[in-house]
């Protein structure tokens, strides 16, 4: 399982960072956690085989996690005719809006190949390469809207992606799976709470490696990297283009 960070910014892109998007490659197939970055543009510039794209899993409906989806769905529908993708969104309103946008722009949507699907707490994606299980978070709980972390299992390895969490980790929002189970990698956001707030959970975390993503403000970067080795496992931040192989 190879993981490539295509977008590592917080809610706003920067000169050297796109918004959230992470690519997972397993047996030549491509999967994505979030698509806040201009995903189709990035893939074409990387020379990726678009026929290898299998699924996109969004953590929640905010634009910095979904804005790349309409362009990809548009081009997959009308231009790249051999592609086929499942796009999981957390709210039906998002599915309705994004599919309507493609239909408005192009006069139609090839739903046989570009399949918008609703992600729920009971949805588990599994194919011959990968298993993806959602875990609800409290990121949008105050608004009564869903948000998810994702456990990705492939090739005997486990990677846990936190998605965006709430501003109050003491409410139990740090992914409990990583506290109770060993994972090969955890990717955790760091935009909605301070470094000091996550320390008690890092002491209990059972990840073999922890990467912080979606960092804001950027003065946290130095503080996070200073934690490396403190809890017995590697800790660092990630930049656009960074790759990890499990």
C-alpha atoms as a PDB file:
ATOM      1  CA  UNK A   1       0.000   0.000   0.000  1.00  0.00           C
ATOM      2  CA  UNK A   2       1.545   3.267  -1.144  1.00  0.00           C
ATOM      3  CA  UNK A   3       0.121   6.513   0.231  1.00  0.00           C
ATOM      4  CA  UNK A   4       0.772   9.842  -1.500  1.00  0.00           C
ATOM      5  CA  UNK A   5      -0.249  13.183  -0.022  1.00  0.00           C
ATOM      6  CA  UNK A   6      -1.570  15.272  -2.904  1.00  0.00           C
ATOM      7  CA  UNK A   7      -2.990  18.063  -0.732  1.00  0.00           C
ATOM      8  CA  UNK A   8      -1.964  18.856   2.849  1.00  0.00           C
ATOM      9  CA  UNK A   9      -3.256  22.364   3.494  1.00  0.00           C
ATOM     10  CA  UNK A  10      -5.936  23.373   5.969  1.00  0.00           C
ATOM     11  CA  UNK A  11      -9.179  24.979   4.779  1.00  0.00           C
ATOM     12  CA  UNK A  12      -7.443  27.297   2.290  1.00  0.00           C
ATOM     13  CA  UNK A  13      -4.836  26.340  -0.351  1.00  0.00           C
ATOM     14  CA  UNK A  14      -1.376  27.865  -0.147  1.00  0.00           C
ATOM     15  CA  UNK A  15       1.361  28.548  -2.684  1.00  0.00           C
ATOM     16  CA  UNK A  16       2.903  25.153  -1.924  1.00  0.00           C
ATOM     17  CA  UNK A  17      -0.088  23.202  -0.609  1.00  0.00           C
ATOM     18  CA  UNK A  18      -3.369  22.104  -2.124  1.00  0.00           C
ATOM     19  CA  UNK A  19      -6.371  21.381   0.075  1.00  0.00           C
ATOM     20  CA  UNK A  20      -6.936  17.905   1.476  1.00  0.00           C
ATOM     21  CA  UNK A  21      -6.485  14.883  -0.762  1.00  0.00           C
ATOM     22  CA  UNK A  22      -4.587  11.655  -0.189  1.00  0.00           C
ATOM     23  CA  UNK A  23      -4.016   8.927  -2.792  1.00  0.00           C
ATOM     24  CA  UNK A  24      -3.767   5.256  -1.864  1.00  0.00           C
ATOM     25  CA  UNK A  25      -2.329   2.806  -4.400  1.00  0.00           C
ATOM     26  CA  UNK A  26      -2.896  -0.928  -4.016  1.00  0.00           C
ATOM     27  CA  UNK A  27      -2.078  -3.452  -6.761  1.00  0.00           C
ATOM     28  CA  UNK A  28      -2.109  -0.674  -9.323  1.00  0.00           C
ATOM     29  CA  UNK A  29      -5.565   0.609  -8.360  1.00  0.00           C
ATOM     30  CA  UNK A  30      -6.041   4.136  -7.009  1.00  0.00           C
ATOM     31  CA  UNK A  31      -8.252   5.257  -4.123  1.00  0.00           C
ATOM     32  CA  UNK A  32      -8.564   8.663  -2.491  1.00  0.00           C
ATOM     33  CA  UNK A  33      -9.397  10.053   0.914  1.00  0.00           C
ATOM     34  CA  UNK A  34     -10.948  13.468   0.154  1.00  0.00           C
ATOM     35  CA  UNK A  35     -10.681  15.556  -2.989  1.00  0.00           C
ATOM     36  CA  UNK A  36     -10.308  19.151  -1.871  1.00  0.00           C
ATOM     37  CA  UNK A  37      -7.366  19.518  -4.247  1.00  0.00           C
ATOM     38  CA  UNK A  38      -7.899  19.846  -8.039  1.00  0.00           C
ATOM     39  CA  UNK A  39      -7.644  16.097  -8.305  1.00  0.00           C
ATOM     40  CA  UNK A  40      -8.121  15.575 -12.048  1.00  0.00           C
ATOM     41  CA  UNK A  41      -5.493  18.229 -12.827  1.00  0.00           C
ATOM     42  CA  UNK A  42      -2.993  16.667 -10.428  1.00  0.00           C
ATOM     43  CA  UNK A  43      -3.530  13.169 -11.809  1.00  0.00           C
ATOM     44  CA  UNK A  44      -3.056  14.309 -15.391  1.00  0.00           C
ATOM     45  CA  UNK A  45       0.122  16.225 -14.498  1.00  0.00           C
ATOM     46  CA  UNK A  46       1.431  13.124 -12.742  1.00  0.00           C
ATOM     47  CA  UNK A  47       0.726  11.046 -15.826  1.00  0.00           C
ATOM     48  CA  UNK A  48      -1.593   8.743 -13.882  1.00  0.00           C
ATOM     49  CA  UNK A  49      -3.660   6.143 -15.697  1.00  0.00           C
ATOM     50  CA  UNK A  50      -7.180   7.383 -14.989  1.00  0.00           C
ATOM     51  CA  UNK A  51      -8.618   3.946 -15.663  1.00  0.00           C
ATOM     52  CA  UNK A  52      -6.949   2.853 -12.423  1.00  0.00           C
ATOM     53  CA  UNK A  53      -9.084   5.231 -10.303  1.00  0.00           C
ATOM     54  CA  UNK A  54     -11.554   3.140  -8.321  1.00  0.00           C
ATOM     55  CA  UNK A  55     -13.086   5.192  -5.500  1.00  0.00           C
ATOM     56  CA  UNK A  56     -13.072   8.480  -3.605  1.00  0.00           C
ATOM     57  CA  UNK A  57     -14.063   8.628   0.071  1.00  0.00           C
ATOM     58  CA  UNK A  58     -14.888  12.067   1.467  1.00  0.00           C
ATOM     59  CA  UNK A  59     -14.645  12.668   5.205  1.00  0.00           C
ATOM     60  CA  UNK A  60     -17.274  15.430   5.212  1.00  0.00           C
ATOM     61  CA  UNK A  61     -18.945  17.892   2.882  1.00  0.00           C
ATOM     62  CA  UNK A  62     -16.759  20.998   3.389  1.00  0.00           C
ATOM     63  CA  UNK A  63     -15.288  22.442   0.202  1.00  0.00           C
ATOM     64  CA  UNK A  64     -11.661  21.948   1.188  1.00  0.00           C
ATOM     65  CA  UNK A  65     -12.423  18.205   1.132  1.00  0.00           C
ATOM     66  CA  UNK A  66     -14.751  18.035  -1.884  1.00  0.00           C
ATOM     67  CA  UNK A  67     -14.082  20.881  -4.333  1.00  0.00           C
ATOM     68  CA  UNK A  68     -12.093  18.652  -6.681  1.00  0.00           C
ATOM     69  CA  UNK A  69     -14.977  16.244  -7.208  1.00  0.00           C
ATOM     70  CA  UNK A  70     -17.164  18.159  -9.732  1.00  0.00           C
ATOM     71  CA  UNK A  71     -14.323  18.606 -12.229  1.00  0.00           C
ATOM     72  CA  UNK A  72     -13.277  14.957 -11.988  1.00  0.00           C
ATOM     73  CA  UNK A  73     -16.868  13.723 -12.275  1.00  0.00           C
ATOM     74  CA  UNK A  74     -17.459  16.058 -15.234  1.00  0.00           C
ATOM     75  CA  UNK A  75     -14.425  14.889 -17.215  1.00  0.00           C
ATOM     76  CA  UNK A  76     -14.895  11.228 -16.340  1.00  0.00           C
ATOM     77  CA  UNK A  77     -18.498  11.447 -17.514  1.00  0.00           C
ATOM     78  CA  UNK A  78     -18.082  13.124 -20.910  1.00  0.00           C
ATOM     79  CA  UNK A  79     -14.438  12.854 -21.955  1.00  0.00           C
ATOM     80  CA  UNK A  80     -12.546   9.951 -20.368  1.00  0.00           C
ATOM     81  CA  UNK A  81     -14.987   7.288 -21.511  1.00  0.00           C
ATOM     82  CA  UNK A  82     -13.158   4.224 -20.173  1.00  0.00           C
ATOM     83  CA  UNK A  83     -13.032   5.393 -16.551  1.00  0.00           C
ATOM     84  CA  UNK A  84     -15.247   4.120 -13.746  1.00  0.00           C
ATOM     85  CA  UNK A  85     -15.401   5.497 -10.199  1.00  0.00           C
ATOM     86  CA  UNK A  86     -17.440   5.326  -6.993  1.00  0.00           C
ATOM     87  CA  UNK A  87     -17.635   8.709  -5.244  1.00  0.00           C
ATOM     88  CA  UNK A  88     -18.718   8.474  -1.611  1.00  0.00           C
ATOM     89  CA  UNK A  89     -20.152  11.629  -0.096  1.00  0.00           C
ATOM     90  CA  UNK A  90     -21.425  12.101   3.429  1.00  0.00           C
ATOM     91  CA  UNK A  91     -24.677  13.923   2.642  1.00  0.00           C
ATOM     92  CA  UNK A  92     -27.347  13.413   0.010  1.00  0.00           C
ATOM     93  CA  UNK A  93     -27.474  17.177  -0.509  1.00  0.00           C
ATOM     94  CA  UNK A  94     -23.871  17.046  -1.718  1.00  0.00           C
ATOM     95  CA  UNK A  95     -24.629  14.217  -4.120  1.00  0.00           C
ATOM     96  CA  UNK A  96     -27.629  16.104  -5.481  1.00  0.00           C
ATOM     97  CA  UNK A  97     -25.699  19.352  -5.896  1.00  0.00           C
ATOM     98  CA  UNK A  98     -22.568  17.901  -7.485  1.00  0.00           C
ATOM     99  CA  UNK A  99     -24.409  15.577  -9.867  1.00  0.00           C
ATOM    100  CA  UNK A 100     -26.741  18.439 -10.838  1.00  0.00           C
ATOM    101  CA  UNK A 101     -23.718  20.625 -11.593  1.00  0.00           C
ATOM    102  CA  UNK A 102     -22.305  18.031 -13.990  1.00  0.00           C
ATOM    103  CA  UNK A 103     -25.692  17.590 -15.647  1.00  0.00           C
ATOM    104  CA  UNK A 104     -26.073  21.348 -16.006  1.00  0.00           C
ATOM    105  CA  UNK A 105     -22.619  21.839 -17.492  1.00  0.00           C
ATOM    106  CA  UNK A 106     -22.611  18.827 -19.807  1.00  0.00           C
ATOM    107  CA  UNK A 107     -26.288  18.078 -20.321  1.00  0.00           C
ATOM    108  CA  UNK A 108     -25.995  14.720 -18.612  1.00  0.00           C
ATOM    109  CA  UNK A 109     -24.105  12.442 -16.237  1.00  0.00           C
ATOM    110  CA  UNK A 110     -22.985   8.930 -17.104  1.00  0.00           C
ATOM    111  CA  UNK A 111     -24.222   7.298 -13.913  1.00  0.00           C
ATOM    112  CA  UNK A 112     -23.113   3.855 -15.043  1.00  0.00           C
ATOM    113  CA  UNK A 113     -19.459   4.932 -14.775  1.00  0.00           C
ATOM    114  CA  UNK A 114     -19.580   7.912 -12.385  1.00  0.00           C
ATOM    115  CA  UNK A 115     -21.463   6.652  -9.381  1.00  0.00           C
ATOM    116  CA  UNK A 116     -22.220   9.035  -6.518  1.00  0.00           C
ATOM    117  CA  UNK A 117     -22.915   7.031  -3.365  1.00  0.00           C
ATOM    118  CA  UNK A 118     -23.971   8.016   0.147  1.00  0.00           C
ATOM    119  CA  UNK A 119     -21.487   7.228   2.906  1.00  0.00           C
ATOM    120  CA  UNK A 120     -23.114   6.229   6.186  1.00  0.00           C
ATOM    121  CA  UNK A 121     -21.776   4.836   9.441  1.00  0.00           C
ATOM    122  CA  UNK A 122     -22.853   1.372   8.248  1.00  0.00           C
ATOM    123  CA  UNK A 123     -21.181   1.555   4.837  1.00  0.00           C
ATOM    124  CA  UNK A 124     -18.142  -0.648   4.306  1.00  0.00           C
ATOM    125  CA  UNK A 125     -16.356  -0.562   0.956  1.00  0.00           C
ATOM    126  CA  UNK A 126     -14.538  -3.714  -0.051  1.00  0.00           C
ATOM    127  CA  UNK A 127     -13.094  -4.976  -3.329  1.00  0.00           C
ATOM    128  CA  UNK A 128     -10.307  -7.361  -4.270  1.00  0.00           C
ATOM    129  CA  UNK A 129      -7.663  -4.857  -3.082  1.00  0.00           C
ATOM    130  CA  UNK A 130      -8.912  -2.872  -0.137  1.00  0.00           C
ATOM    131  CA  UNK A 131     -11.404  -2.559   2.708  1.00  0.00           C
ATOM    132  CA  UNK A 132     -12.516   0.875   3.918  1.00  0.00           C
ATOM    133  CA  UNK A 133     -14.510   1.263   7.130  1.00  0.00           C
ATOM    134  CA  UNK A 134     -15.943   4.611   8.344  1.00  0.00           C
ATOM    135  CA  UNK A 135     -15.924   5.781  11.968  1.00  0.00           C
ATOM    136  CA  UNK A 136     -18.105   8.801  12.854  1.00  0.00           C
ATOM    137  CA  UNK A 137     -16.435  11.932  14.242  1.00  0.00           C
ATOM    138  CA  UNK A 138     -17.889  14.979  15.964  1.00  0.00           C
ATOM    139  CA  UNK A 139     -16.448  17.522  13.525  1.00  0.00           C
ATOM    140  CA  UNK A 140     -19.897  18.704  12.374  1.00  0.00           C
ATOM    141  CA  UNK A 141     -21.929  17.382  15.308  1.00  0.00           C
ATOM    142  CA  UNK A 142     -23.013  20.844  16.409  1.00  0.00           C
ATOM    143  CA  UNK A 143     -24.695  21.291  13.032  1.00  0.00           C
ATOM    144  CA  UNK A 144     -26.221  17.813  13.114  1.00  0.00           C
ATOM    145  CA  UNK A 145     -24.220  16.731  10.078  1.00  0.00           C
ATOM    146  CA  UNK A 146     -22.050  13.643   9.557  1.00  0.00           C
ATOM    147  CA  UNK A 147     -18.265  13.403   9.303  1.00  0.00           C
ATOM    148  CA  UNK A 148     -16.010  10.353   9.297  1.00  0.00           C
ATOM    149  CA  UNK A 149     -12.597   8.913   9.957  1.00  0.00           C
ATOM    150  CA  UNK A 150     -11.597   5.974   7.751  1.00  0.00           C
ATOM    151  CA  UNK A 151      -9.782   2.739   8.505  1.00  0.00           C
ATOM    152  CA  UNK A 152      -8.105   1.452   5.348  1.00  0.00           C
ATOM    153  CA  UNK A 153      -6.967  -2.179   5.275  1.00  0.00           C
ATOM    154  CA  UNK A 154      -4.912  -3.586   2.410  1.00  0.00           C
ATOM    155  CA  UNK A 155      -2.090  -6.069   1.904  1.00  0.00           C
ATOM    156  CA  UNK A 156      -2.121  -7.002   5.579  1.00  0.00           C
ATOM    157  CA  UNK A 157      -1.612  -3.372   6.667  1.00  0.00           C
ATOM    158  CA  UNK A 158      -3.872  -0.877   8.430  1.00  0.00           C
ATOM    159  CA  UNK A 159      -3.920   2.905   7.947  1.00  0.00           C
ATOM    160  CA  UNK A 160      -6.292   5.160   9.883  1.00  0.00           C
ATOM    161  CA  UNK A 161      -7.193   8.593   8.516  1.00  0.00           C
ATOM    162  CA  UNK A 162      -8.762  10.818  11.170  1.00  0.00           C
ATOM    163  CA  UNK A 163     -10.539  13.267   8.891  1.00  0.00           C
ATOM    164  CA  UNK A 164     -11.370  16.534  10.616  1.00  0.00           C
ATOM    165  CA  UNK A 165     -12.126  16.203  14.316  1.00  0.00           C
ATOM    166  CA  UNK A 166     -13.927  18.445  16.775  1.00  0.00           C
ATOM    167  CA  UNK A 167     -12.287  21.269  18.674  1.00  0.00           C
ATOM    168  CA  UNK A 168     -12.767  19.383  21.944  1.00  0.00           C
ATOM    169  CA  UNK A 169     -10.922  16.083  21.885  1.00  0.00           C
ATOM    170  CA  UNK A 170     -11.921  15.482  25.498  1.00  0.00           C
ATOM    171  CA  UNK A 171     -15.384  14.637  24.174  1.00  0.00           C
ATOM    172  CA  UNK A 172     -13.847  11.431  22.879  1.00  0.00           C
ATOM    173  CA  UNK A 173     -13.243  12.472  19.283  1.00  0.00           C
ATOM    174  CA  UNK A 174      -9.684  11.200  18.918  1.00  0.00           C
ATOM    175  CA  UNK A 175     -10.250   7.996  16.913  1.00  0.00           C
ATOM    176  CA  UNK A 176     -10.759   5.321  19.542  1.00  0.00           C
ATOM    177  CA  UNK A 177      -9.743   2.591  17.123  1.00  0.00           C
ATOM    178  CA  UNK A 178      -6.101   3.740  17.296  1.00  0.00           C
ATOM    179  CA  UNK A 179      -6.211   3.651  21.096  1.00  0.00           C
ATOM    180  CA  UNK A 180      -7.544   0.100  21.262  1.00  0.00           C
ATOM    181  CA  UNK A 181      -5.934  -1.459  18.182  1.00  0.00           C
ATOM    182  CA  UNK A 182      -2.517  -1.455  16.589  1.00  0.00           C
ATOM    183  CA  UNK A 183      -2.341   0.335  13.241  1.00  0.00           C
ATOM    184  CA  UNK A 184       0.628   0.595  10.906  1.00  0.00           C
ATOM    185  CA  UNK A 185      -0.047   4.268  10.194  1.00  0.00           C
ATOM    186  CA  UNK A 186      -2.286   7.002  11.518  1.00  0.00           C
ATOM    187  CA  UNK A 187      -2.809  10.247   9.628  1.00  0.00           C
ATOM    188  CA  UNK A 188      -4.277  12.889  11.940  1.00  0.00           C
ATOM    189  CA  UNK A 189      -5.476  16.412  11.271  1.00  0.00           C
ATOM    190  CA  UNK A 190      -4.113  19.326  13.305  1.00  0.00           C
ATOM    191  CA  UNK A 191      -6.257  22.327  12.425  1.00  0.00           C
ATOM    192  CA  UNK A 192      -8.967  22.269  15.073  1.00  0.00           C
ATOM    193  CA  UNK A 193      -7.069  21.829  18.341  1.00  0.00           C
ATOM    194  CA  UNK A 194      -3.701  22.615  19.837  1.00  0.00           C
ATOM    195  CA  UNK A 195      -0.668  20.366  20.085  1.00  0.00           C
ATOM    196  CA  UNK A 196      -1.084  20.345  23.862  1.00  0.00           C
ATOM    197  CA  UNK A 197      -4.620  18.972  23.520  1.00  0.00           C
ATOM    198  CA  UNK A 198      -3.544  15.872  21.614  1.00  0.00           C
ATOM    199  CA  UNK A 199      -0.637  14.870  23.859  1.00  0.00           C
ATOM    200  CA  UNK A 200      -2.676  12.635  26.233  1.00  0.00           C
ATOM    201  CA  UNK A 201      -3.916  10.640  23.237  1.00  0.00           C
ATOM    202  CA  UNK A 202      -0.482  10.283  21.700  1.00  0.00           C
ATOM    203  CA  UNK A 203       0.656   8.598  24.902  1.00  0.00           C
ATOM    204  CA  UNK A 204      -2.025   5.928  24.425  1.00  0.00           C
ATOM    205  CA  UNK A 205      -2.007   5.727  20.625  1.00  0.00           C
ATOM    206  CA  UNK A 206      -1.037   2.306  19.238  1.00  0.00           C
ATOM    207  CA  UNK A 207       0.111   3.538  15.824  1.00  0.00           C
ATOM    208  CA  UNK A 208       3.500   2.390  14.559  1.00  0.00           C
ATOM    209  CA  UNK A 209       3.838   5.737  12.797  1.00  0.00           C
ATOM    210  CA  UNK A 210       1.834   8.969  13.066  1.00  0.00           C
ATOM    211  CA  UNK A 211       1.691  11.722  10.473  1.00  0.00           C
ATOM    212  CA  UNK A 212       0.006  15.080  11.070  1.00  0.00           C
ATOM    213  CA  UNK A 213      -1.782  16.635   8.120  1.00  0.00           C
ATOM    214  CA  UNK A 214      -4.135  19.590   7.561  1.00  0.00           C
ATOM    215  CA  UNK A 215      -2.118  21.754   9.982  1.00  0.00           C
ATOM    216  CA  UNK A 216      -3.203  25.250  11.018  1.00  0.00           C
ATOM    217  CA  UNK A 217      -1.736  27.621  11.991  1.00  0.00           C
ATOM    218  CA  UNK A 218       1.601  26.708  10.459  1.00  0.00           C
ATOM    219  CA  UNK A 219       3.563  27.607  13.584  1.00  0.00           C
ATOM    220  CA  UNK A 220       2.372  24.211  14.855  1.00  0.00           C
ATOM    221  CA  UNK A 221       4.664  22.462  12.354  1.00  0.00           C
ATOM    222  CA  UNK A 222       7.796  22.924  14.448  1.00  0.00           C
ATOM    223  CA  UNK A 223       5.988  21.911  17.639  1.00  0.00           C
ATOM    224  CA  UNK A 224       4.650  18.748  16.036  1.00  0.00           C
ATOM    225  CA  UNK A 225       7.967  17.661  14.567  1.00  0.00           C
ATOM    226  CA  UNK A 226       9.576  18.168  17.987  1.00  0.00           C
ATOM    227  CA  UNK A 227       7.382  15.292  19.260  1.00  0.00           C
ATOM    228  CA  UNK A 228       9.183  12.732  17.081  1.00  0.00           C
ATOM    229  CA  UNK A 229      10.253   9.773  19.211  1.00  0.00           C
ATOM    230  CA  UNK A 230       8.735  11.113  22.397  1.00  0.00           C
ATOM    231  CA  UNK A 231       6.091   8.396  22.559  1.00  0.00           C
ATOM    232  CA  UNK A 232       8.112   5.522  21.111  1.00  0.00           C
ATOM    233  CA  UNK A 233       7.013   5.833  17.482  1.00  0.00           C
ATOM    234  CA  UNK A 234       7.839   8.259  14.623  1.00  0.00           C
ATOM    235  CA  UNK A 235       5.805  11.480  14.461  1.00  0.00           C
ATOM    236  CA  UNK A 236       6.113  14.130  11.771  1.00  0.00           C
ATOM    237  CA  UNK A 237       4.158  16.462   9.519  1.00  0.00           C
ATOM    238  CA  UNK A 238       3.595  15.923   5.803  1.00  0.00           C
ATOM    239  CA  UNK A 239       3.894  18.130   2.728  1.00  0.00           C
ATOM    240  CA  UNK A 240       2.339  17.864  -0.724  1.00  0.00           C
ATOM    241  CA  UNK A 241       4.059  15.107  -2.662  1.00  0.00           C
ATOM    242  CA  UNK A 242       5.227  13.096   0.358  1.00  0.00           C
ATOM    243  CA  UNK A 243       4.899   9.316  -0.023  1.00  0.00           C
ATOM    244  CA  UNK A 244       4.724   6.475   2.492  1.00  0.00           C
ATOM    245  CA  UNK A 245       4.828   2.760   1.681  1.00  0.00           C
ATOM    246  CA  UNK A 246       3.368   0.239   4.108  1.00  0.00           C
END
